[in-house]
Amino acid sequence: MNLNLSGHHLVITPAIRSYVTAKLDRVTRHFDHVIDVNVVLSVDKLRQQITANLHIRGKEIHAECVDPDMYAAIGALADKLDRQVLRHKEKANGQRHEPAASKRAPSSERTPKARTR
């Protein structure tokens, strides 16, 4: 997973960088096929906004969170991304088709229906 972390009106300290990577490790623990993550941290007076774009094969997942506390916003963003990744994973695994042999019922279980007039 490639992590691109940038800040608008904010200096990215090593503490913030390590906190973001620790929170995003939970996403990669649930889903290994994450290619790229772009995280933008921005500050406007008392408004801390975090935006993340997660690039997965065939899909781009976007989440953003606004909170007065930066660390709370990072945690909430990680929760949102985790839910979206799990939903994507369930959808991807649920669309597999069953083999043709398992769809058919064995001929011994089939009983002809009696016709009524």
C-alpha atoms as a PDB file:
ATOM      1  CA  MET A   1       0.000   0.000   0.000  1.00  0.00           C
ATOM      2  CA  ASN A   2       1.360   3.384  -1.017  1.00  0.00           C
ATOM      3  CA  LEU A   3       0.415   6.164   1.386  1.00  0.00           C
ATOM      4  CA  ASN A   4       0.442   9.760   0.155  1.00  0.00           C
ATOM      5  CA  LEU A   5      -0.108  12.131   3.080  1.00  0.00           C
ATOM      6  CA  SER A   6      -0.380  15.882   2.518  1.00  0.00           C
ATOM      7  CA  GLY A   7      -1.523  18.854   4.562  1.00  0.00           C
ATOM      8  CA  HIS A   8      -3.219  22.159   3.710  1.00  0.00           C
ATOM      9  CA  HIS A   9      -2.402  24.898   6.207  1.00  0.00           C
ATOM     10  CA  LEU A  10      -0.892  22.175   8.388  1.00  0.00           C
ATOM     11  CA  VAL A  11       2.555  20.703   8.935  1.00  0.00           C
ATOM     12  CA  ILE A  12       2.510  16.913   8.985  1.00  0.00           C
ATOM     13  CA  THR A  13       4.387  15.921  12.130  1.00  0.00           C
ATOM     14  CA  PRO A  14       5.844  12.431  12.648  1.00  0.00           C
ATOM     15  CA  ALA A  15       3.217  11.838  15.358  1.00  0.00           C
ATOM     16  CA  ILE A  16       0.334  12.576  12.966  1.00  0.00           C
ATOM     17  CA  ARG A  17       1.952  10.487  10.233  1.00  0.00           C
ATOM     18  CA  SER A  18       2.383   7.482  12.529  1.00  0.00           C
ATOM     19  CA  TYR A  19      -1.185   7.847  13.865  1.00  0.00           C
ATOM     20  CA  VAL A  20      -2.642   7.892  10.332  1.00  0.00           C
ATOM     21  CA  THR A  21      -0.604   4.843   9.254  1.00  0.00           C
ATOM     22  CA  ALA A  22      -1.627   2.964  12.421  1.00  0.00           C
ATOM     23  CA  LYS A  23      -5.318   3.700  11.793  1.00  0.00           C
ATOM     24  CA  LEU A  24      -5.131   2.797   8.100  1.00  0.00           C
ATOM     25  CA  ASP A  25      -3.444  -0.523   8.907  1.00  0.00           C
ATOM     26  CA  ARG A  26      -6.844  -1.700  10.112  1.00  0.00           C
ATOM     27  CA  VAL A  27      -8.206  -1.203   6.582  1.00  0.00           C
ATOM     28  CA  THR A  28      -5.393  -3.228   5.039  1.00  0.00           C
ATOM     29  CA  ARG A  29      -5.883  -5.920   7.667  1.00  0.00           C
ATOM     30  CA  HIS A  30      -9.423  -6.489   6.368  1.00  0.00           C
ATOM     31  CA  PHE A  31      -8.599  -6.120   2.676  1.00  0.00           C
ATOM     32  CA  ASP A  32      -5.127  -6.750   1.219  1.00  0.00           C
ATOM     33  CA  HIS A  33      -5.709  -5.445  -2.307  1.00  0.00           C
ATOM     34  CA  VAL A  34      -5.321  -1.740  -1.507  1.00  0.00           C
ATOM     35  CA  ILE A  35      -3.085  -0.132  -4.131  1.00  0.00           C
ATOM     36  CA  ASP A  36      -2.925   3.515  -3.133  1.00  0.00           C
ATOM     37  CA  VAL A  37      -4.183   5.796  -0.356  1.00  0.00           C
ATOM     38  CA  ASN A  38      -4.215   9.583  -0.697  1.00  0.00           C
ATOM     39  CA  VAL A  39      -4.937  11.429   2.562  1.00  0.00           C
ATOM     40  CA  VAL A  40      -5.310  15.211   2.745  1.00  0.00           C
ATOM     41  CA  LEU A  41      -5.403  16.909   6.151  1.00  0.00           C
ATOM     42  CA  SER A  42      -6.628  20.498   6.233  1.00  0.00           C
ATOM     43  CA  VAL A  43      -7.276  23.071   8.945  1.00  0.00           C
ATOM     44  CA  ASP A  44      -9.681  26.031   8.803  1.00  0.00           C
ATOM     45  CA  LYS A  45      -9.814  27.796  12.178  1.00  0.00           C
ATOM     46  CA  LEU A  46     -11.597  25.260  14.437  1.00  0.00           C
ATOM     47  CA  ARG A  47     -12.551  22.892  11.623  1.00  0.00           C
ATOM     48  CA  GLN A  48     -10.245  19.917  11.020  1.00  0.00           C
ATOM     49  CA  GLN A  49     -11.078  18.162   7.752  1.00  0.00           C
ATOM     50  CA  ILE A  50      -9.603  14.915   6.508  1.00  0.00           C
ATOM     51  CA  THR A  51     -10.218  13.491   3.051  1.00  0.00           C
ATOM     52  CA  ALA A  52      -9.046  10.092   1.855  1.00  0.00           C
ATOM     53  CA  ASN A  53      -9.155   8.368  -1.527  1.00  0.00           C
ATOM     54  CA  LEU A  54      -8.497   4.647  -1.453  1.00  0.00           C
ATOM     55  CA  HIS A  55      -7.616   3.070  -4.782  1.00  0.00           C
ATOM     56  CA  ILE A  56      -8.610  -0.585  -5.104  1.00  0.00           C
ATOM     57  CA  ARG A  57      -8.492  -2.635  -8.278  1.00  0.00           C
ATOM     58  CA  GLY A  58     -11.547  -1.543 -10.241  1.00  0.00           C
ATOM     59  CA  LYS A  59     -12.827   0.990  -7.720  1.00  0.00           C
ATOM     60  CA  GLU A  60     -12.006   4.256  -6.002  1.00  0.00           C
ATOM     61  CA  ILE A  61     -13.344   4.677  -2.444  1.00  0.00           C
ATOM     62  CA  HIS A  62     -13.726   8.210  -1.101  1.00  0.00           C
ATOM     63  CA  ALA A  63     -14.363   9.297   2.496  1.00  0.00           C
ATOM     64  CA  GLU A  64     -14.094  12.534   4.400  1.00  0.00           C
ATOM     65  CA  CYS A  65     -14.581  13.585   7.979  1.00  0.00           C
ATOM     66  CA  VAL A  66     -14.814  16.936   9.786  1.00  0.00           C
ATOM     67  CA  ASP A  67     -14.212  17.290  13.522  1.00  0.00           C
ATOM     68  CA  PRO A  68     -12.817  19.906  15.908  1.00  0.00           C
ATOM     69  CA  ASP A  69     -10.132  17.436  17.046  1.00  0.00           C
ATOM     70  CA  MET A  70      -7.645  16.154  14.437  1.00  0.00           C
ATOM     71  CA  TYR A  71      -7.087  12.776  16.063  1.00  0.00           C
ATOM     72  CA  ALA A  72     -10.839  12.175  16.453  1.00  0.00           C
ATOM     73  CA  ALA A  73     -11.313  13.041  12.780  1.00  0.00           C
ATOM     74  CA  ILE A  74      -8.584  10.560  11.794  1.00  0.00           C
ATOM     75  CA  GLY A  75     -10.266   7.834  13.851  1.00  0.00           C
ATOM     76  CA  ALA A  76     -13.700   8.561  12.377  1.00  0.00           C
ATOM     77  CA  LEU A  77     -12.244   8.543   8.854  1.00  0.00           C
ATOM     78  CA  ALA A  78     -10.612   5.178   9.474  1.00  0.00           C
ATOM     79  CA  ASP A  79     -13.981   3.809  10.663  1.00  0.00           C
ATOM     80  CA  LYS A  80     -15.731   5.089   7.530  1.00  0.00           C
ATOM     81  CA  LEU A  81     -13.087   3.627   5.227  1.00  0.00           C
ATOM     82  CA  ASP A  82     -13.190   0.325   7.080  1.00  0.00           C
ATOM     83  CA  ARG A  83     -16.967   0.040   6.665  1.00  0.00           C
ATOM     84  CA  GLN A  84     -16.778   0.913   2.964  1.00  0.00           C
ATOM     85  CA  VAL A  85     -13.973  -1.573   2.310  1.00  0.00           C
ATOM     86  CA  LEU A  86     -15.831  -4.357   4.127  1.00  0.00           C
ATOM     87  CA  ARG A  87     -18.979  -3.589   2.106  1.00  0.00           C
ATOM     88  CA  HIS A  88     -16.963  -3.681  -1.125  1.00  0.00           C
ATOM     89  CA  LYS A  89     -15.354  -6.964  -0.090  1.00  0.00           C
ATOM     90  CA  GLU A  90     -18.734  -8.550   0.706  1.00  0.00           C
ATOM     91  CA  LYS A  91     -20.169  -7.434  -2.625  1.00  0.00           C
ATOM     92  CA  ALA A  92     -17.171  -8.743  -4.537  1.00  0.00           C
ATOM     93  CA  ASN A  93     -17.290 -12.135  -2.819  1.00  0.00           C
ATOM     94  CA  GLY A  94     -21.082 -12.389  -3.112  1.00  0.00           C
ATOM     95  CA  GLN A  95     -21.123 -12.101  -6.903  1.00  0.00           C
ATOM     96  CA  ARG A  96     -19.327 -15.351  -7.579  1.00  0.00           C
ATOM     97  CA  HIS A  97     -21.414 -17.821  -9.513  1.00  0.00           C
ATOM     98  CA  GLU A  98     -22.034 -21.319  -8.267  1.00  0.00           C
ATOM     99  CA  PRO A  99     -20.865 -24.202 -10.450  1.00  0.00           C
ATOM    100  CA  ALA A 100     -23.528 -25.588 -12.769  1.00  0.00           C
ATOM    101  CA  ALA A 101     -23.490 -29.016 -11.094  1.00  0.00           C
ATOM    102  CA  SER A 102     -24.477 -27.644  -7.691  1.00  0.00           C
ATOM    103  CA  LYS A 103     -27.379 -25.631  -9.136  1.00  0.00           C
ATOM    104  CA  ARG A 104     -29.133 -28.683 -10.534  1.00  0.00           C
ATOM    105  CA  ALA A 105     -31.058 -30.933  -8.228  1.00  0.00           C
ATOM    106  CA  PRO A 106     -30.316 -34.643  -8.612  1.00  0.00           C
ATOM    107  CA  SER A 107     -32.835 -36.454 -10.811  1.00  0.00           C
ATOM    108  CA  SER A 108     -33.805 -38.876  -8.025  1.00  0.00           C
ATOM    109  CA  GLU A 109     -35.169 -36.000  -5.929  1.00  0.00           C
ATOM    110  CA  ARG A 110     -37.332 -34.689  -8.736  1.00  0.00           C
ATOM    111  CA  THR A 111     -40.855 -36.038  -8.732  1.00  0.00           C
ATOM    112  CA  PRO A 112     -43.230 -35.502 -11.610  1.00  0.00           C
ATOM    113  CA  LYS A 113     -46.205 -33.373 -10.736  1.00  0.00           C
ATOM    114  CA  ALA A 114     -49.609 -34.917 -11.139  1.00  0.00           C
ATOM    115  CA  ARG A 115     -51.918 -33.145 -13.524  1.00  0.00           C
ATOM    116  CA  THR A 116     -55.277 -32.066 -12.270  1.00  0.00           C
ATOM    117  CA  ARG A 117     -58.161 -31.141 -14.499  1.00  0.00           C
END
